[in-house]
């Protein structure tokens, strides 16, 4: 369902909060 899926995605993305923007971009963007 849309509501549960939204909550699930928010919880999953909350896991990236310890990482810094510049570090993530420098690794993920060139790789992709």
ModelCIF file with pLDDT and N, C-alpha, C, O atoms, coordinates in Angstrom:
data_MODEL
#
_entry.id   MODEL 
#
_entity.id                         1 
_entity.type                       polymer 
_entity.pdbx_number_of_molecules   1 
#
_entity_poly.entity_id                      1 
_entity_poly.type                           'polypeptide(L)' 
_entity_poly.nstd_linkage                   no 
_entity_poly.nstd_monomer                   no 
_entity_poly.pdbx_seq_one_letter_code       
;(UNK)(UNK)(UNK)(UNK)(UNK)(UNK)(UNK)(UNK)(UNK)(UNK)(UNK)(UNK)(UNK)(UNK)(UNK)(UNK)
(UNK)(UNK)(UNK)(UNK)(UNK)(UNK)(UNK)(UNK)(UNK)(UNK)(UNK)(UNK)(UNK)(UNK)(UNK)(UNK)
;
_entity_poly.pdbx_seq_one_letter_code_can   XXXXXXXXXXXXXXXXXXXXXXXXXXXXXXXX 
_entity_poly.pdbx_strand_id                 A 
#
loop_
_entity_poly_seq.entity_id 
_entity_poly_seq.num 
_entity_poly_seq.mon_id 
_entity_poly_seq.hetero 
1 1  UNK n 
1 2  UNK n 
1 3  UNK n 
1 4  UNK n 
1 5  UNK n 
1 6  UNK n 
1 7  UNK n 
1 8  UNK n 
1 9  UNK n 
1 10 UNK n 
1 11 UNK n 
1 12 UNK n 
1 13 UNK n 
1 14 UNK n 
1 15 UNK n 
1 16 UNK n 
1 17 UNK n 
1 18 UNK n 
1 19 UNK n 
1 20 UNK n 
1 21 UNK n 
1 22 UNK n 
1 23 UNK n 
1 24 UNK n 
1 25 UNK n 
1 26 UNK n 
1 27 UNK n 
1 28 UNK n 
1 29 UNK n 
1 30 UNK n 
1 31 UNK n 
1 32 UNK n 
#
_struct_asym.id          A 
_struct_asym.entity_id   1 
#
loop_
_ma_qa_metric.id 
_ma_qa_metric.mode 
_ma_qa_metric.name 
_ma_qa_metric.software_group_id 
_ma_qa_metric.type 
1 global pLDDT . pLDDT 
2 local  pLDDT . pLDDT 
#
_ma_qa_metric_global.metric_id      1 
_ma_qa_metric_global.metric_value   66.81 
_ma_qa_metric_global.model_id       1 
_ma_qa_metric_global.ordinal_id     1 
#
loop_
_ma_qa_metric_local.label_asym_id 
_ma_qa_metric_local.label_comp_id 
_ma_qa_metric_local.label_seq_id 
_ma_qa_metric_local.metric_id 
_ma_qa_metric_local.metric_value 
_ma_qa_metric_local.model_id 
_ma_qa_metric_local.ordinal_id 
A UNK 1  2 58.00 1 1  
A UNK 2  2 55.00 1 2  
A UNK 3  2 59.00 1 3  
A UNK 4  2 57.00 1 4  
A UNK 5  2 61.00 1 5  
A UNK 6  2 62.00 1 6  
A UNK 7  2 66.00 1 7  
A UNK 8  2 64.00 1 8  
A UNK 9  2 68.00 1 9  
A UNK 10 2 68.00 1 10 
A UNK 11 2 67.00 1 11 
A UNK 12 2 68.00 1 12 
A UNK 13 2 69.00 1 13 
A UNK 14 2 70.00 1 14 
A UNK 15 2 68.00 1 15 
A UNK 16 2 61.00 1 16 
A UNK 17 2 61.00 1 17 
A UNK 18 2 64.00 1 18 
A UNK 19 2 64.00 1 19 
A UNK 20 2 64.00 1 20 
A UNK 21 2 62.00 1 21 
A UNK 22 2 65.00 1 22 
A UNK 23 2 66.00 1 23 
A UNK 24 2 67.00 1 24 
A UNK 25 2 69.00 1 25 
A UNK 26 2 74.00 1 26 
A UNK 27 2 74.00 1 27 
A UNK 28 2 74.00 1 28 
A UNK 29 2 75.00 1 29 
A UNK 30 2 79.00 1 30 
A UNK 31 2 79.00 1 31 
A UNK 32 2 80.00 1 32 
#
loop_
_atom_site.group_PDB 
_atom_site.id 
_atom_site.type_symbol 
_atom_site.label_atom_id 
_atom_site.label_alt_id 
_atom_site.label_comp_id 
_atom_site.label_asym_id 
_atom_site.label_entity_id 
_atom_site.label_seq_id 
_atom_site.pdbx_PDB_ins_code 
_atom_site.Cartn_x 
_atom_site.Cartn_y 
_atom_site.Cartn_z 
_atom_site.occupancy 
_atom_site.B_iso_or_equiv 
_atom_site.pdbx_formal_charge 
_atom_site.auth_seq_id 
_atom_site.auth_comp_id 
_atom_site.auth_asym_id 
_atom_site.auth_atom_id 
_atom_site.pdbx_PDB_model_num 
ATOM 1   N N  . UNK A 1 1  ? 0.820  -1.199 0.000   1.00 58.00 ? 1  UNK A N  1 
ATOM 2   C CA . UNK A 1 1  ? 0.000  0.000  0.000   1.00 58.00 ? 1  UNK A CA 1 
ATOM 3   C C  . UNK A 1 1  ? 0.857  1.253  0.000   1.00 58.00 ? 1  UNK A C  1 
ATOM 4   O O  . UNK A 1 1  ? 1.998  1.235  0.461   1.00 58.00 ? 1  UNK A O  1 
ATOM 5   N N  . UNK A 1 2  ? 0.306  2.339  -0.516  1.00 55.00 ? 2  UNK A N  1 
ATOM 6   C CA . UNK A 1 2  ? 1.055  3.590  -0.658  1.00 55.00 ? 2  UNK A CA 1 
ATOM 7   C C  . UNK A 1 2  ? 1.582  4.133  0.657   1.00 55.00 ? 2  UNK A C  1 
ATOM 8   O O  . UNK A 1 2  ? 2.726  4.583  0.726   1.00 55.00 ? 2  UNK A O  1 
ATOM 9   N N  . UNK A 1 3  ? 0.749  4.098  1.722   1.00 59.00 ? 3  UNK A N  1 
ATOM 10  C CA . UNK A 1 3  ? 1.170  4.656  3.010   1.00 59.00 ? 3  UNK A CA 1 
ATOM 11  C C  . UNK A 1 3  ? 2.313  3.848  3.620   1.00 59.00 ? 3  UNK A C  1 
ATOM 12  O O  . UNK A 1 3  ? 3.312  4.410  4.069   1.00 59.00 ? 3  UNK A O  1 
ATOM 13  N N  . UNK A 1 4  ? 2.155  2.522  3.631   1.00 57.00 ? 4  UNK A N  1 
ATOM 14  C CA . UNK A 1 4  ? 3.195  1.680  4.219   1.00 57.00 ? 4  UNK A CA 1 
ATOM 15  C C  . UNK A 1 4  ? 4.486  1.747  3.407   1.00 57.00 ? 4  UNK A C  1 
ATOM 16  O O  . UNK A 1 4  ? 5.583  1.709  3.965   1.00 57.00 ? 4  UNK A O  1 
ATOM 17  N N  . UNK A 1 5  ? 4.348  1.846  2.096   1.00 61.00 ? 5  UNK A N  1 
ATOM 18  C CA . UNK A 1 5  ? 5.521  1.938  1.240   1.00 61.00 ? 5  UNK A CA 1 
ATOM 19  C C  . UNK A 1 5  ? 6.258  3.247  1.493   1.00 61.00 ? 5  UNK A C  1 
ATOM 20  O O  . UNK A 1 5  ? 7.488  3.275  1.530   1.00 61.00 ? 5  UNK A O  1 
ATOM 21  N N  . UNK A 1 6  ? 5.501  4.335  1.667   1.00 62.00 ? 6  UNK A N  1 
ATOM 22  C CA . UNK A 1 6  ? 6.117  5.617  1.971   1.00 62.00 ? 6  UNK A CA 1 
ATOM 23  C C  . UNK A 1 6  ? 6.892  5.578  3.275   1.00 62.00 ? 6  UNK A C  1 
ATOM 24  O O  . UNK A 1 6  ? 8.014  6.079  3.352   1.00 62.00 ? 6  UNK A O  1 
ATOM 25  N N  . UNK A 1 7  ? 6.298  4.986  4.296   1.00 66.00 ? 7  UNK A N  1 
ATOM 26  C CA . UNK A 1 7  ? 6.971  4.863  5.593   1.00 66.00 ? 7  UNK A CA 1 
ATOM 27  C C  . UNK A 1 7  ? 8.233  4.004  5.456   1.00 66.00 ? 7  UNK A C  1 
ATOM 28  O O  . UNK A 1 7  ? 9.280  4.338  6.011   1.00 66.00 ? 7  UNK A O  1 
ATOM 29  N N  . UNK A 1 8  ? 8.125  2.900  4.716   1.00 64.00 ? 8  UNK A N  1 
ATOM 30  C CA . UNK A 1 8  ? 9.268  2.008  4.528   1.00 64.00 ? 8  UNK A CA 1 
ATOM 31  C C  . UNK A 1 8  ? 10.427 2.729  3.832   1.00 64.00 ? 8  UNK A C  1 
ATOM 32  O O  . UNK A 1 8  ? 11.581 2.588  4.237   1.00 64.00 ? 8  UNK A O  1 
ATOM 33  N N  . UNK A 1 9  ? 10.119 3.497  2.788   1.00 68.00 ? 9  UNK A N  1 
ATOM 34  C CA . UNK A 1 9  ? 11.167 4.212  2.062   1.00 68.00 ? 9  UNK A CA 1 
ATOM 35  C C  . UNK A 1 9  ? 11.837 5.264  2.944   1.00 68.00 ? 9  UNK A C  1 
ATOM 36  O O  . UNK A 1 9  ? 13.056 5.429  2.909   1.00 68.00 ? 9  UNK A O  1 
ATOM 37  N N  . UNK A 1 10 ? 11.028 5.977  3.737   1.00 68.00 ? 10 UNK A N  1 
ATOM 38  C CA . UNK A 1 10 ? 11.588 6.992  4.644   1.00 68.00 ? 10 UNK A CA 1 
ATOM 39  C C  . UNK A 1 10 ? 12.519 6.346  5.656   1.00 68.00 ? 10 UNK A C  1 
ATOM 40  O O  . UNK A 1 10 ? 13.596 6.874  5.935   1.00 68.00 ? 10 UNK A O  1 
ATOM 41  N N  . UNK A 1 11 ? 12.110 5.202  6.211   1.00 67.00 ? 11 UNK A N  1 
ATOM 42  C CA . UNK A 1 11 ? 12.961 4.505  7.186   1.00 67.00 ? 11 UNK A CA 1 
ATOM 43  C C  . UNK A 1 11 ? 14.258 4.023  6.545   1.00 67.00 ? 11 UNK A C  1 
ATOM 44  O O  . UNK A 1 11 ? 15.321 4.094  7.161   1.00 67.00 ? 11 UNK A O  1 
ATOM 45  N N  . UNK A 1 12 ? 14.172 3.532  5.308   1.00 68.00 ? 12 UNK A N  1 
ATOM 46  C CA . UNK A 1 12 ? 15.370 3.059  4.618   1.00 68.00 ? 12 UNK A CA 1 
ATOM 47  C C  . UNK A 1 12 ? 16.332 4.210  4.340   1.00 68.00 ? 12 UNK A C  1 
ATOM 48  O O  . UNK A 1 12 ? 17.540 4.077  4.536   1.00 68.00 ? 12 UNK A O  1 
ATOM 49  N N  . UNK A 1 13 ? 15.793 5.344  3.882   1.00 69.00 ? 13 UNK A N  1 
ATOM 50  C CA . UNK A 1 13 ? 16.659 6.478  3.561   1.00 69.00 ? 13 UNK A CA 1 
ATOM 51  C C  . UNK A 1 13 ? 17.196 7.166  4.810   1.00 69.00 ? 13 UNK A C  1 
ATOM 52  O O  . UNK A 1 13 ? 18.211 7.860  4.749   1.00 69.00 ? 13 UNK A O  1 
ATOM 53  N N  . UNK A 1 14 ? 16.519 6.978  5.944   1.00 70.00 ? 14 UNK A N  1 
ATOM 54  C CA . UNK A 1 14 ? 17.053 7.529  7.199   1.00 70.00 ? 14 UNK A CA 1 
ATOM 55  C C  . UNK A 1 14 ? 18.399 6.893  7.533   1.00 70.00 ? 14 UNK A C  1 
ATOM 56  O O  . UNK A 1 14 ? 19.193 7.452  8.289   1.00 70.00 ? 14 UNK A O  1 
ATOM 57  N N  . UNK A 1 15 ? 18.644 5.713  6.956   1.00 68.00 ? 15 UNK A N  1 
ATOM 58  C CA . UNK A 1 15 ? 19.904 5.011  7.217   1.00 68.00 ? 15 UNK A CA 1 
ATOM 59  C C  . UNK A 1 15 ? 21.106 5.729  6.610   1.00 68.00 ? 15 UNK A C  1 
ATOM 60  O O  . UNK A 1 15 ? 22.239 5.481  7.024   1.00 68.00 ? 15 UNK A O  1 
ATOM 61  N N  . UNK A 1 16 ? 20.879 6.625  5.624   1.00 61.00 ? 16 UNK A N  1 
ATOM 62  C CA . UNK A 1 16 ? 22.010 7.336  5.000   1.00 61.00 ? 16 UNK A CA 1 
ATOM 63  C C  . UNK A 1 16 ? 22.415 8.558  5.809   1.00 61.00 ? 16 UNK A C  1 
ATOM 64  O O  . UNK A 1 16 ? 23.419 9.202  5.503   1.00 61.00 ? 16 UNK A O  1 
ATOM 65  N N  . UNK A 1 17 ? 21.635 8.884  6.850   1.00 61.00 ? 17 UNK A N  1 
ATOM 66  C CA . UNK A 1 17 ? 21.890 10.127 7.579   1.00 61.00 ? 17 UNK A CA 1 
ATOM 67  C C  . UNK A 1 17 ? 23.289 10.241 8.176   1.00 61.00 ? 17 UNK A C  1 
ATOM 68  O O  . UNK A 1 17 ? 23.785 11.361 8.299   1.00 61.00 ? 17 UNK A O  1 
ATOM 69  N N  . UNK A 1 18 ? 23.967 9.133  8.561   1.00 64.00 ? 18 UNK A N  1 
ATOM 70  C CA . UNK A 1 18 ? 25.328 9.313  9.086   1.00 64.00 ? 18 UNK A CA 1 
ATOM 71  C C  . UNK A 1 18 ? 26.348 9.736  8.034   1.00 64.00 ? 18 UNK A C  1 
ATOM 72  O O  . UNK A 1 18 ? 27.431 10.206 8.383   1.00 64.00 ? 18 UNK A O  1 
ATOM 73  N N  . UNK A 1 19 ? 26.017 9.575  6.734   1.00 64.00 ? 19 UNK A N  1 
ATOM 74  C CA . UNK A 1 19 ? 26.980 9.876  5.683   1.00 64.00 ? 19 UNK A CA 1 
ATOM 75  C C  . UNK A 1 19 ? 26.881 11.329 5.248   1.00 64.00 ? 19 UNK A C  1 
ATOM 76  O O  . UNK A 1 19 ? 25.800 11.918 5.257   1.00 64.00 ? 19 UNK A O  1 
ATOM 77  N N  . UNK A 1 20 ? 28.012 11.899 4.867   1.00 64.00 ? 20 UNK A N  1 
ATOM 78  C CA . UNK A 1 20 ? 28.046 13.279 4.404   1.00 64.00 ? 20 UNK A CA 1 
ATOM 79  C C  . UNK A 1 20 ? 27.768 13.346 2.916   1.00 64.00 ? 20 UNK A C  1 
ATOM 80  O O  . UNK A 1 20 ? 28.108 12.438 2.157   1.00 64.00 ? 20 UNK A O  1 
ATOM 81  N N  . UNK A 1 21 ? 27.136 14.448 2.516   1.00 62.00 ? 21 UNK A N  1 
ATOM 82  C CA . UNK A 1 21 ? 26.727 14.659 1.119   1.00 62.00 ? 21 UNK A CA 1 
ATOM 83  C C  . UNK A 1 21 ? 27.896 14.547 0.152   1.00 62.00 ? 21 UNK A C  1 
ATOM 84  O O  . UNK A 1 21 ? 27.826 13.814 -0.834  1.00 62.00 ? 21 UNK A O  1 
ATOM 85  N N  . UNK A 1 22 ? 28.969 15.276 0.435   1.00 65.00 ? 22 UNK A N  1 
ATOM 86  C CA . UNK A 1 22 ? 30.115 15.276 -0.472  1.00 65.00 ? 22 UNK A CA 1 
ATOM 87  C C  . UNK A 1 22 ? 30.721 13.892 -0.629  1.00 65.00 ? 22 UNK A C  1 
ATOM 88  O O  . UNK A 1 22 ? 31.116 13.504 -1.728  1.00 65.00 ? 22 UNK A O  1 
ATOM 89  N N  . UNK A 1 23 ? 30.793 13.145 0.473   1.00 66.00 ? 23 UNK A N  1 
ATOM 90  C CA . UNK A 1 23 ? 31.361 11.793 0.422   1.00 66.00 ? 23 UNK A CA 1 
ATOM 91  C C  . UNK A 1 23 ? 30.501 10.863 -0.423  1.00 66.00 ? 23 UNK A C  1 
ATOM 92  O O  . UNK A 1 23 ? 31.016 10.106 -1.246  1.00 66.00 ? 23 UNK A O  1 
ATOM 93  N N  . UNK A 1 24 ? 29.178 10.926 -0.214  1.00 67.00 ? 24 UNK A N  1 
ATOM 94  C CA . UNK A 1 24 ? 28.268 10.072 -0.976  1.00 67.00 ? 24 UNK A CA 1 
ATOM 95  C C  . UNK A 1 24 ? 28.327 10.401 -2.465  1.00 67.00 ? 24 UNK A C  1 
ATOM 96  O O  . UNK A 1 24 ? 28.429 9.506  -3.304  1.00 67.00 ? 24 UNK A O  1 
ATOM 97  N N  . UNK A 1 25 ? 28.262 11.703 -2.788  1.00 69.00 ? 25 UNK A N  1 
ATOM 98  C CA . UNK A 1 25 ? 28.266 12.103 -4.193  1.00 69.00 ? 25 UNK A CA 1 
ATOM 99  C C  . UNK A 1 25 ? 29.560 11.693 -4.876  1.00 69.00 ? 25 UNK A C  1 
ATOM 100 O O  . UNK A 1 25 ? 29.533 11.186 -5.998  1.00 69.00 ? 25 UNK A O  1 
ATOM 101 N N  . UNK A 1 26 ? 30.691 11.904 -4.216  1.00 74.00 ? 26 UNK A N  1 
ATOM 102 C CA . UNK A 1 26 ? 31.993 11.580 -4.805  1.00 74.00 ? 26 UNK A CA 1 
ATOM 103 C C  . UNK A 1 26 ? 32.135 10.095 -5.098  1.00 74.00 ? 26 UNK A C  1 
ATOM 104 O O  . UNK A 1 26 ? 32.854 9.711  -6.021  1.00 74.00 ? 26 UNK A O  1 
ATOM 105 N N  . UNK A 1 27 ? 31.454 9.252  -4.319  1.00 74.00 ? 27 UNK A N  1 
ATOM 106 C CA . UNK A 1 27 ? 31.540 7.806  -4.547  1.00 74.00 ? 27 UNK A CA 1 
ATOM 107 C C  . UNK A 1 27 ? 30.467 7.312  -5.521  1.00 74.00 ? 27 UNK A C  1 
ATOM 108 O O  . UNK A 1 27 ? 30.770 6.581  -6.463  1.00 74.00 ? 27 UNK A O  1 
ATOM 109 N N  . UNK A 1 28 ? 29.210 7.716  -5.289  1.00 74.00 ? 28 UNK A N  1 
ATOM 110 C CA . UNK A 1 28 ? 28.087 7.149  -6.032  1.00 74.00 ? 28 UNK A CA 1 
ATOM 111 C C  . UNK A 1 28 ? 27.997 7.675  -7.464  1.00 74.00 ? 28 UNK A C  1 
ATOM 112 O O  . UNK A 1 28 ? 27.797 6.892  -8.393  1.00 74.00 ? 28 UNK A O  1 
ATOM 113 N N  . UNK A 1 29 ? 28.143 9.003  -7.660  1.00 75.00 ? 29 UNK A N  1 
ATOM 114 C CA . UNK A 1 29 ? 27.932 9.562  -8.994  1.00 75.00 ? 29 UNK A CA 1 
ATOM 115 C C  . UNK A 1 29 ? 28.939 9.038  -10.023 1.00 75.00 ? 29 UNK A C  1 
ATOM 116 O O  . UNK A 1 29 ? 28.524 8.606  -11.098 1.00 75.00 ? 29 UNK A O  1 
ATOM 117 N N  . UNK A 1 30 ? 30.257 9.060  -9.734  1.00 79.00 ? 30 UNK A N  1 
ATOM 118 C CA . UNK A 1 30 ? 31.190 8.495  -10.726 1.00 79.00 ? 30 UNK A CA 1 
ATOM 119 C C  . UNK A 1 30 ? 30.937 7.013  -10.985 1.00 79.00 ? 30 UNK A C  1 
ATOM 120 O O  . UNK A 1 30 ? 31.036 6.563  -12.126 1.00 79.00 ? 30 UNK A O  1 
ATOM 121 N N  . UNK A 1 31 ? 30.612 6.244  -9.936  1.00 79.00 ? 31 UNK A N  1 
ATOM 122 C CA . UNK A 1 31 ? 30.333 4.818  -10.095 1.00 79.00 ? 31 UNK A CA 1 
ATOM 123 C C  . UNK A 1 31 ? 29.163 4.606  -11.055 1.00 79.00 ? 31 UNK A C  1 
ATOM 124 O O  . UNK A 1 31 ? 29.252 3.799  -11.980 1.00 79.00 ? 31 UNK A O  1 
ATOM 125 N N  . UNK A 1 32 ? 28.073 5.328  -10.833 1.00 80.00 ? 32 UNK A N  1 
ATOM 126 C CA . UNK A 1 32 ? 26.906 5.208  -11.704 1.00 80.00 ? 32 UNK A CA 1 
ATOM 127 C C  . UNK A 1 32 ? 27.206 5.747  -13.104 1.00 80.00 ? 32 UNK A C  1 
ATOM 128 O O  . UNK A 1 32 ? 26.336 5.727  -13.974 1.00 80.00 ? 32 UNK A O  1 
#
